[in-house]
C-alpha atoms as a PDB file:
ATOM      1  CA  MET A   1      22.587  13.874   7.369  1.00  0.00           C
ATOM      2  CA  THR A   2      18.961  12.783   7.322  1.00  0.00           C
ATOM      3  CA  SER A   3      19.691   9.047   7.251  1.00  0.00           C
ATOM      4  CA  PHE A   4      18.498   8.817  10.858  1.00  0.00           C
ATOM      5  CA  LEU A   5      15.013   9.795   9.681  1.00  0.00           C
ATOM      6  CA  LEU A   6      14.907   6.848   7.299  1.00  0.00           C
ATOM      7  CA  THR A   7      15.136   4.301  10.118  1.00  0.00           C
ATOM      8  CA  ALA A   8      13.333   6.279  12.821  1.00  0.00           C
ATOM      9  CA  ASP A   9       9.726   6.014  13.929  1.00  0.00           C
ATOM     10  CA  ILE A  10       8.591   9.550  13.100  1.00  0.00           C
ATOM     11  CA  THR A  11       5.893   9.426  15.781  1.00  0.00           C
ATOM     12  CA  GLU A  12       8.669   9.594  18.376  1.00  0.00           C
ATOM     13  CA  SER A  13      10.701  12.664  19.321  1.00  0.00           C
ATOM     14  CA  ILE A  14      13.399  13.394  16.726  1.00  0.00           C
ATOM     15  CA  SER A  15      16.186  15.978  16.902  1.00  0.00           C
ATOM     16  CA  LEU A  16      16.837  17.572  13.534  1.00  0.00           C
ATOM     17  CA  PRO A  17      20.322  18.778  12.480  1.00  0.00           C
ATOM     18  CA  SER A  18      21.046  22.396  13.362  1.00  0.00           C
ATOM     19  CA  VAL A  19      23.284  23.021  10.354  1.00  0.00           C
ATOM     20  CA  PRO A  20      21.886  23.763   6.874  1.00  0.00           C
ATOM     21  CA  VAL A  21      21.377  20.758   4.587  1.00  0.00           C
ATOM     22  CA  SER A  22      22.675  21.051   1.028  1.00  0.00           C
ATOM     23  CA  ASN A  23      21.266  17.851  -0.495  1.00  0.00           C
ATOM     24  CA  GLU A  24      17.924  18.470  -2.235  1.00  0.00           C
ATOM     25  CA  ARG A  25      16.328  15.199  -1.109  1.00  0.00           C
ATOM     26  CA  SER A  26      17.450  15.823   2.462  1.00  0.00           C
ATOM     27  CA  ARG A  27      15.996  19.333   2.373  1.00  0.00           C
ATOM     28  CA  LEU A  28      12.693  17.968   1.091  1.00  0.00           C
ATOM     29  CA  MET A  29      12.597  15.348   3.807  1.00  0.00           C
ATOM     30  CA  ILE A  30      13.287  17.815   6.619  1.00  0.00           C
ATOM     31  CA  GLU A  31      10.833  20.371   5.213  1.00  0.00           C
ATOM     32  CA  SER A  32       8.087  17.755   4.932  1.00  0.00           C
ATOM     33  CA  TYR A  33       8.791  16.557   8.482  1.00  0.00           C
ATOM     34  CA  LYS A  34       8.610  20.109   9.875  1.00  0.00           C
ATOM     35  CA  ASN A  35       5.356  20.960   8.090  1.00  0.00           C
ATOM     36  CA  ASP A  36       2.060  20.725   9.926  1.00  0.00           C
ATOM     37  CA  THR A  37       0.402  17.346   9.491  1.00  0.00           C
ATOM     38  CA  TRP A  38      -2.666  16.789   7.326  1.00  0.00           C
ATOM     39  CA  SER A  39      -5.902  17.431   9.193  1.00  0.00           C
ATOM     40  CA  ASN A  40      -7.801  14.306  10.177  1.00  0.00           C
ATOM     41  CA  ASN A  41     -10.899  16.275  11.196  1.00  0.00           C
ATOM     42  CA  ASP A  42     -14.129  15.597   9.311  1.00  0.00           C
ATOM     43  CA  ILE A  43     -12.376  13.393   6.757  1.00  0.00           C
ATOM     44  CA  GLY A  44     -15.686  12.374   5.187  1.00  0.00           C
ATOM     45  CA  ASN A  45     -16.140  15.890   3.838  1.00  0.00           C
ATOM     46  CA  GLN A  46     -12.569  16.273   2.541  1.00  0.00           C
ATOM     47  CA  SER A  47     -13.427  15.501  -1.057  1.00  0.00           C
ATOM     48  CA  MET A  48     -10.730  15.877  -3.763  1.00  0.00           C
ATOM     49  CA  VAL A  49      -8.696  18.373  -1.733  1.00  0.00           C
ATOM     50  CA  VAL A  50      -5.362  19.381  -3.295  1.00  0.00           C
ATOM     51  CA  VAL A  51      -2.239  18.977  -1.157  1.00  0.00           C
ATOM     52  CA  SER A  52      -0.456  22.336  -0.904  1.00  0.00           C
ATOM     53  CA  LYS A  53       2.783  21.419   0.908  1.00  0.00           C
ATOM     54  CA  PRO A  54       5.069  18.368   1.115  1.00  0.00           C
ATOM     55  CA  LEU A  55       4.045  15.872   3.808  1.00  0.00           C
ATOM     56  CA  LEU A  56       6.191  13.101   5.304  1.00  0.00           C
ATOM     57  CA  PHE A  57       4.708   9.682   6.027  1.00  0.00           C
ATOM     58  CA  GLN A  58       5.982   6.255   6.999  1.00  0.00           C
ATOM     59  CA  ILE A  59       4.511   3.175   5.333  1.00  0.00           C
ATOM     60  CA  CYS A  60       2.854   0.754   7.756  1.00  0.00           C
ATOM     61  CA  MET A  61       1.079  -1.692   5.431  1.00  0.00           C
ATOM     62  CA  ILE A  62       1.027  -2.532   1.715  1.00  0.00           C
ATOM     63  CA  GLU A  63      -1.927  -4.344   0.139  1.00  0.00           C
ATOM     64  CA  ASP A  64      -2.342  -5.293  -3.509  1.00  0.00           C
ATOM     65  CA  VAL A  65      -6.038  -4.597  -4.139  1.00  0.00           C
ATOM     66  CA  SER A  66      -5.840  -5.519  -7.821  1.00  0.00           C
ATOM     67  CA  ARG A  67      -5.368  -9.225  -7.045  1.00  0.00           C
ATOM     68  CA  SER A  68      -7.495 -11.719  -5.176  1.00  0.00           C
ATOM     69  CA  LYS A  69      -6.582 -12.384  -1.554  1.00  0.00           C
ATOM     70  CA  LEU A  70      -6.383 -16.125  -2.267  1.00  0.00           C
ATOM     71  CA  SER A  71      -3.807 -15.529  -4.992  1.00  0.00           C
ATOM     72  CA  GLN A  72      -1.739 -13.337  -2.675  1.00  0.00           C
ATOM     73  CA  LEU A  73      -2.004 -15.944   0.063  1.00  0.00           C
ATOM     74  CA  ASP A  74      -0.629 -18.581  -2.323  1.00  0.00           C
ATOM     75  CA  ASP A  75       2.316 -16.315  -3.183  1.00  0.00           C
ATOM     76  CA  ILE A  76       3.126 -15.689   0.479  1.00  0.00           C
ATOM     77  CA  ASN A  77       2.922 -19.379   1.322  1.00  0.00           C
ATOM     78  CA  SER A  78       5.218 -20.198  -1.591  1.00  0.00           C
ATOM     79  CA  ARG A  79       7.760 -17.673  -0.289  1.00  0.00           C
ATOM     80  CA  LEU A  80       7.545 -19.168   3.187  1.00  0.00           C
ATOM     81  CA  ASP A  81       7.763 -22.717   1.823  1.00  0.00           C
ATOM     82  CA  PRO A  82       8.408 -23.297  -1.903  1.00  0.00           C
ATOM     83  CA  LYS A  83       6.770 -26.738  -1.571  1.00  0.00           C
ATOM     84  CA  ASN A  84       3.439 -24.945  -1.158  1.00  0.00           C
ATOM     85  CA  GLN A  85       3.664 -23.246  -4.557  1.00  0.00           C
ATOM     86  CA  ARG A  86       0.515 -23.642  -6.651  1.00  0.00           C
ATOM     87  CA  VAL A  87      -0.312 -23.036 -10.285  1.00  0.00           C
ATOM     88  CA  ASP A  88      -1.916 -19.641 -10.886  1.00  0.00           C
ATOM     89  CA  ARG A  89      -5.133 -20.808 -12.465  1.00  0.00           C
ATOM     90  CA  LEU A  90      -6.217 -17.292 -13.386  1.00  0.00           C
ATOM     91  CA  ASN A  91      -3.072 -16.550 -15.380  1.00  0.00           C
ATOM     92  CA  ALA A  92      -3.136 -20.012 -16.900  1.00  0.00           C
ATOM     93  CA  SER A  93      -6.675 -19.461 -18.135  1.00  0.00           C
ATOM     94  CA  ARG A  94      -5.486 -16.388 -20.038  1.00  0.00           C
ATOM     95  CA  ASN A  95      -3.247 -18.615 -22.111  1.00  0.00           C
ATOM     96  CA  VAL A  96      -5.765 -21.266 -23.089  1.00  0.00           C
ATOM     97  CA  PRO A  97      -5.062 -22.399 -26.681  1.00  0.00           C
ATOM     98  CA  GLY A  98      -7.574 -20.981 -29.139  1.00  0.00           C
ATOM     99  CA  GLN A  99      -8.502 -18.038 -26.927  1.00  0.00           C
ATOM    100  CA  ASN A 100      -7.678 -14.730 -28.587  1.00  0.00           C
ATOM    101  CA  ALA A 101      -5.853 -11.902 -26.826  1.00  0.00           C
ATOM    102  CA  GLN A 102      -8.907  -9.667 -26.780  1.00  0.00           C
ATOM    103  CA  ASN A 103     -10.895 -12.184 -24.757  1.00  0.00           C
ATOM    104  CA  ARG A 104      -7.966 -12.914 -22.454  1.00  0.00           C
ATOM    105  CA  ASN A 105      -7.605  -9.241 -21.519  1.00  0.00           C
ATOM    106  CA  SER A 106     -11.266  -8.282 -21.492  1.00  0.00           C
ATOM    107  CA  ASP A 107     -11.528  -8.458 -17.699  1.00  0.00           C
ATOM    108  CA  THR A 108      -8.340  -6.543 -16.941  1.00  0.00           C
ATOM    109  CA  HIS A 109      -8.961  -3.157 -15.318  1.00  0.00           C
ATOM    110  CA  LEU A 110      -7.154  -0.428 -13.463  1.00  0.00           C
ATOM    111  CA  VAL A 111      -8.690   0.502 -10.144  1.00  0.00           C
ATOM    112  CA  THR A 112      -8.851   4.286  -9.933  1.00  0.00           C
ATOM    113  CA  ALA A 113     -10.996   4.498  -6.814  1.00  0.00           C
ATOM    114  CA  ILE A 114     -11.228   2.098  -3.913  1.00  0.00           C
ATOM    115  CA  ASP A 115     -13.973   1.347  -1.434  1.00  0.00           C
ATOM    116  CA  ILE A 116     -11.594   1.183   1.524  1.00  0.00           C
ATOM    117  CA  ASP A 117     -13.943  -0.919   3.652  1.00  0.00           C
ATOM    118  CA  SER A 118     -14.389  -3.662   1.061  1.00  0.00           C
ATOM    119  CA  ASP A 119     -11.289  -3.220  -1.164  1.00  0.00           C
ATOM    120  CA  MET A 120     -13.623  -3.267  -4.160  1.00  0.00           C
ATOM    121  CA  PRO A 121     -13.083  -1.010  -7.189  1.00  0.00           C
ATOM    122  CA  MET A 122     -15.572   1.815  -7.658  1.00  0.00           C
ATOM    123  CA  ASN A 123     -14.411   3.122 -11.047  1.00  0.00           C
ATOM    124  CA  THR A 124     -12.189   1.339 -13.516  1.00  0.00           C
ATOM    125  CA  SER A 125     -10.583   1.783 -16.935  1.00  0.00           C
ATOM    126  CA  GLN A 126      -8.804  -0.632 -19.247  1.00  0.00           C
ATOM    127  CA  VAL A 127      -5.072  -1.159 -18.677  1.00  0.00           C
ATOM    128  CA  SER A 128      -2.440  -3.808 -19.287  1.00  0.00           C
ATOM    129  CA  PRO A 129      -2.360  -7.000 -17.195  1.00  0.00           C
ATOM    130  CA  GLU A 130       0.879  -5.829 -15.548  1.00  0.00           C
ATOM    131  CA  GLN A 131      -0.817  -2.962 -13.683  1.00  0.00           C
ATOM    132  CA  HIS A 132      -1.036  -3.358  -9.937  1.00  0.00           C
ATOM    133  CA  VAL A 133      -2.975  -1.101  -7.611  1.00  0.00           C
ATOM    134  CA  PHE A 134      -1.802  -0.887  -4.019  1.00  0.00           C
ATOM    135  CA  LYS A 135      -3.492   0.420  -0.917  1.00  0.00           C
ATOM    136  CA  LEU A 136      -0.890   1.806   1.483  1.00  0.00           C
ATOM    137  CA  THR A 137      -1.568   2.445   5.133  1.00  0.00           C
ATOM    138  CA  ILE A 138       0.572   5.464   5.995  1.00  0.00           C
ATOM    139  CA  GLN A 139       1.281   7.321   9.234  1.00  0.00           C
ATOM    140  CA  ASP A 140       2.350  10.895   9.957  1.00  0.00           C
ATOM    141  CA  LYS A 141       4.461  12.221  12.831  1.00  0.00           C
ATOM    142  CA  ALA A 142       1.338  12.816  14.932  1.00  0.00           C
ATOM    143  CA  GLY A 143       0.491   9.114  14.685  1.00  0.00           C
ATOM    144  CA  CYS A 144      -2.561   9.659  12.452  1.00  0.00           C
ATOM    145  CA  MET A 145      -3.254   6.931   9.905  1.00  0.00           C
ATOM    146  CA  PHE A 146      -4.382   7.486   6.327  1.00  0.00           C
ATOM    147  CA  TYR A 147      -4.605   5.430   3.151  1.00  0.00           C
ATOM    148  CA  ALA A 148      -2.872   6.064  -0.157  1.00  0.00           C
ATOM    149  CA  VAL A 149      -3.646   4.464  -3.535  1.00  0.00           C
ATOM    150  CA  ASN A 150      -1.484   4.606  -6.675  1.00  0.00           C
ATOM    151  CA  LEU A 151      -3.307   5.732  -9.803  1.00  0.00           C
ATOM    152  CA  SER A 152      -0.284   4.922 -11.987  1.00  0.00           C
ATOM    153  CA  PRO A 153       2.701   2.564 -11.615  1.00  0.00           C
ATOM    154  CA  LEU A 154       5.199   3.638  -8.943  1.00  0.00           C
ATOM    155  CA  ASN A 155       8.776   2.372  -9.013  1.00  0.00           C
ATOM    156  CA  PHE A 156       8.969   1.653  -5.290  1.00  0.00           C
ATOM    157  CA  LEU A 157       5.977  -0.712  -5.502  1.00  0.00           C
ATOM    158  CA  LYS A 158       7.567  -3.246  -7.839  1.00  0.00           C
ATOM    159  CA  ASN A 159       7.556  -7.012  -7.235  1.00  0.00           C
ATOM    160  CA  ASP A 160       4.043  -7.004  -5.774  1.00  0.00           C
ATOM    161  CA  GLY A 161       5.107  -4.366  -3.243  1.00  0.00           C
ATOM    162  CA  VAL A 162       7.400  -6.806  -1.401  1.00  0.00           C
ATOM    163  CA  SER A 163      10.503  -4.729  -2.183  1.00  0.00           C
ATOM    164  CA  CYS A 164       9.057  -1.751  -0.274  1.00  0.00           C
ATOM    165  CA  MET A 165      10.055  -2.090   3.375  1.00  0.00           C
ATOM    166  CA  LEU A 166       7.633  -1.321   6.179  1.00  0.00           C
ATOM    167  CA  GLY A 167       8.608   1.872   7.953  1.00  0.00           C
ATOM    168  CA  SER A 168      10.090   3.328   4.773  1.00  0.00           C
ATOM    169  CA  LYS A 169       9.444   7.017   4.233  1.00  0.00           C
ATOM    170  CA  ALA A 170       7.595   8.776   1.427  1.00  0.00           C
ATOM    171  CA  VAL A 171       6.885  12.455   0.826  1.00  0.00           C
ATOM    172  CA  ILE A 172       3.519  13.302  -0.687  1.00  0.00           C
ATOM    173  CA  LEU A 173       4.045  16.375  -2.843  1.00  0.00           C
ATOM    174  CA  PRO A 174       1.918  19.458  -3.589  1.00  0.00           C
ATOM    175  CA  GLY A 175      -0.632  18.675  -6.265  1.00  0.00           C
ATOM    176  CA  ALA A 176      -1.619  15.268  -4.905  1.00  0.00           C
ATOM    177  CA  LEU A 177      -5.322  14.768  -4.256  1.00  0.00           C
ATOM    178  CA  PHE A 178      -6.879  13.705  -0.958  1.00  0.00           C
ATOM    179  CA  ASN A 179     -10.322  12.161  -1.102  1.00  0.00           C
ATOM    180  CA  ARG A 180     -12.132  11.080   2.080  1.00  0.00           C
ATOM    181  CA  GLY A 181      -9.200   9.540   3.893  1.00  0.00           C
ATOM    182  CA  VAL A 182      -7.232   8.489   0.810  1.00  0.00           C
ATOM    183  CA  PHE A 183      -4.281  10.181  -0.906  1.00  0.00           C
ATOM    184  CA  LEU A 184      -4.363   9.520  -4.661  1.00  0.00           C
ATOM    185  CA  LEU A 185      -0.793   9.152  -5.867  1.00  0.00           C
ATOM    186  CA  GLN A 186       0.943   9.384  -9.218  1.00  0.00           C
ATOM    187  CA  GLU A 187       4.635   9.437 -10.094  1.00  0.00           C
ATOM    188  CA  THR A 188       4.690  13.243 -10.033  1.00  0.00           C
ATOM    189  CA  THR A 189       2.999  13.582  -6.639  1.00  0.00           C
ATOM    190  CA  VAL A 190       5.109  11.349  -4.410  1.00  0.00           C
ATOM    191  CA  THR A 191       8.833  11.001  -3.697  1.00  0.00           C
ATOM    192  CA  PHE A 192       9.942   7.738  -2.128  1.00  0.00           C
ATOM    193  CA  MET A 193      12.777   8.242   0.350  1.00  0.00           C
ATOM    194  CA  GLY A 194      13.457   4.638   1.306  1.00  0.00           C
ATOM    195  CA  GLY A 195      14.529   3.393   4.694  1.00  0.00           C
ATOM    196  CA  MET A 196      12.810   0.929   7.003  1.00  0.00           C
ATOM    197  CA  ILE A 197      11.989   0.154  10.623  1.00  0.00           C
ATOM    198  CA  LYS A 198      13.605  -3.222  11.204  1.00  0.00           C
ATOM    199  CA  SER A 199      11.241  -4.501  13.886  1.00  0.00           C
ATOM    200  CA  TRP A 200       8.236  -3.878  11.626  1.00  0.00           C
ATOM    201  CA  ASN A 201       9.677  -6.205   8.981  1.00  0.00           C
ATOM    202  CA  ASP A 202      10.534  -9.102  11.283  1.00  0.00           C
ATOM    203  CA  GLY A 203       8.221 -11.969  10.323  1.00  0.00           C
ATOM    204  CA  ARG A 204       6.496  -9.743   7.787  1.00  0.00           C
ATOM    205  CA  ASP A 205       5.233 -12.569   5.568  1.00  0.00           C
ATOM    206  CA  HIS A 206       3.791 -14.462   8.527  1.00  0.00           C
ATOM    207  CA  LYS A 207       1.999 -11.336   9.760  1.00  0.00           C
ATOM    208  CA  LEU A 208       0.639 -10.547   6.288  1.00  0.00           C
ATOM    209  CA  CYS A 209      -0.519 -14.134   5.891  1.00  0.00           C
ATOM    210  CA  GLN A 210      -2.455 -13.924   9.160  1.00  0.00           C
ATOM    211  CA  TYR A 211      -3.911 -10.553   8.136  1.00  0.00           C
ATOM    212  CA  ILE A 212      -5.178 -11.832   4.763  1.00  0.00           C
ATOM    213  CA  GLU A 213      -6.585 -14.995   6.327  1.00  0.00           C
ATOM    214  CA  ALA A 214      -8.480 -12.850   8.841  1.00  0.00           C
ATOM    215  CA  LYS A 215      -9.872 -10.681   6.014  1.00  0.00           C
ATOM    216  CA  LEU A 216     -10.986 -13.791   4.137  1.00  0.00           C
ATOM    217  CA  GLU A 217     -12.627 -15.135   7.276  1.00  0.00           C
ATOM    218  CA  ASP A 218     -14.546 -11.867   7.663  1.00  0.00           C
ATOM    219  CA  GLN A 219     -15.968 -12.323   4.149  1.00  0.00           C
ATOM    220  CA  ILE A 220     -17.551 -15.671   5.044  1.00  0.00           C
ATOM    221  CA  PRO A 221     -21.180 -15.318   6.203  1.00  0.00           C
ATOM    222  CA  PRO A 222     -21.539 -16.346   9.863  1.00  0.00           C
ATOM    223  CA  SER A 223     -24.037 -19.059   8.909  1.00  0.00           C
ATOM    224  CA  SER A 224     -21.440 -20.668   6.600  1.00  0.00           C
ATOM    225  CA  ARG A 225     -18.606 -20.785   9.079  1.00  0.00           C
ATOM    226  CA  LYS A 226     -17.716 -24.175  10.493  1.00  0.00           C
ATOM    227  CA  ARG A 227     -18.095 -24.495  14.212  1.00  0.00           C
ATOM    228  CA  LYS A 228     -15.137 -25.880  16.053  1.00  0.00           C
ATOM    229  CA  VAL A 229     -15.836 -29.053  17.993  1.00  0.00           C
ATOM    230  CA  PRO A 230     -14.886 -28.427  21.616  1.00  0.00           C
ATOM    231  CA  SER A 231     -12.083 -30.621  22.827  1.00  0.00           C
ATOM    232  CA  THR A 232     -12.939 -33.156  25.472  1.00  0.00           C
END
């Protein structure tokens, strides 16, 4: 009965069912949609605030902040055109003959706090090479945007996050922490509902490729950027 919510843009007007809902997941989804949205006032001073009620969000963007942008760009280009596939030099270097496992894994860290402006880790701890940390851009029914970062592996963010559709819905549960614009998520503090908004996923790889290229361009000092020769 709540399947319409899974494919709807929650910032638009939605009519909820008038009859009681028996399914637990459906009840959670409707309750979280009805609840007041998270305050976006004075976010800079909202430090490690505990969420007290379930909150519904739709996922607008997924970024893997535990991998280099160049590596992600290679993966996207290989999906768009397999002929563009390159060898992952970083992973290959971990398997150099004669290099012990301790040295190969010495630079592997879990990002537990993110500088949202630069995507750089602020605090880290040792984890396995398989750990990925994602920065999600999420939106509530009022249209307000926030970030969310996973502090532990989340099932819906497998396969580099590609399997998670844009516009899919997630409920952030009581007990989650909010720190200066960012919800810190673990398996026990978020319930993924699924769904998607089809138009948001059309040409998704092309859009993400352009986004990453723009971010990389922003990292180049202005003095180092090549000037385009005007056409004559």
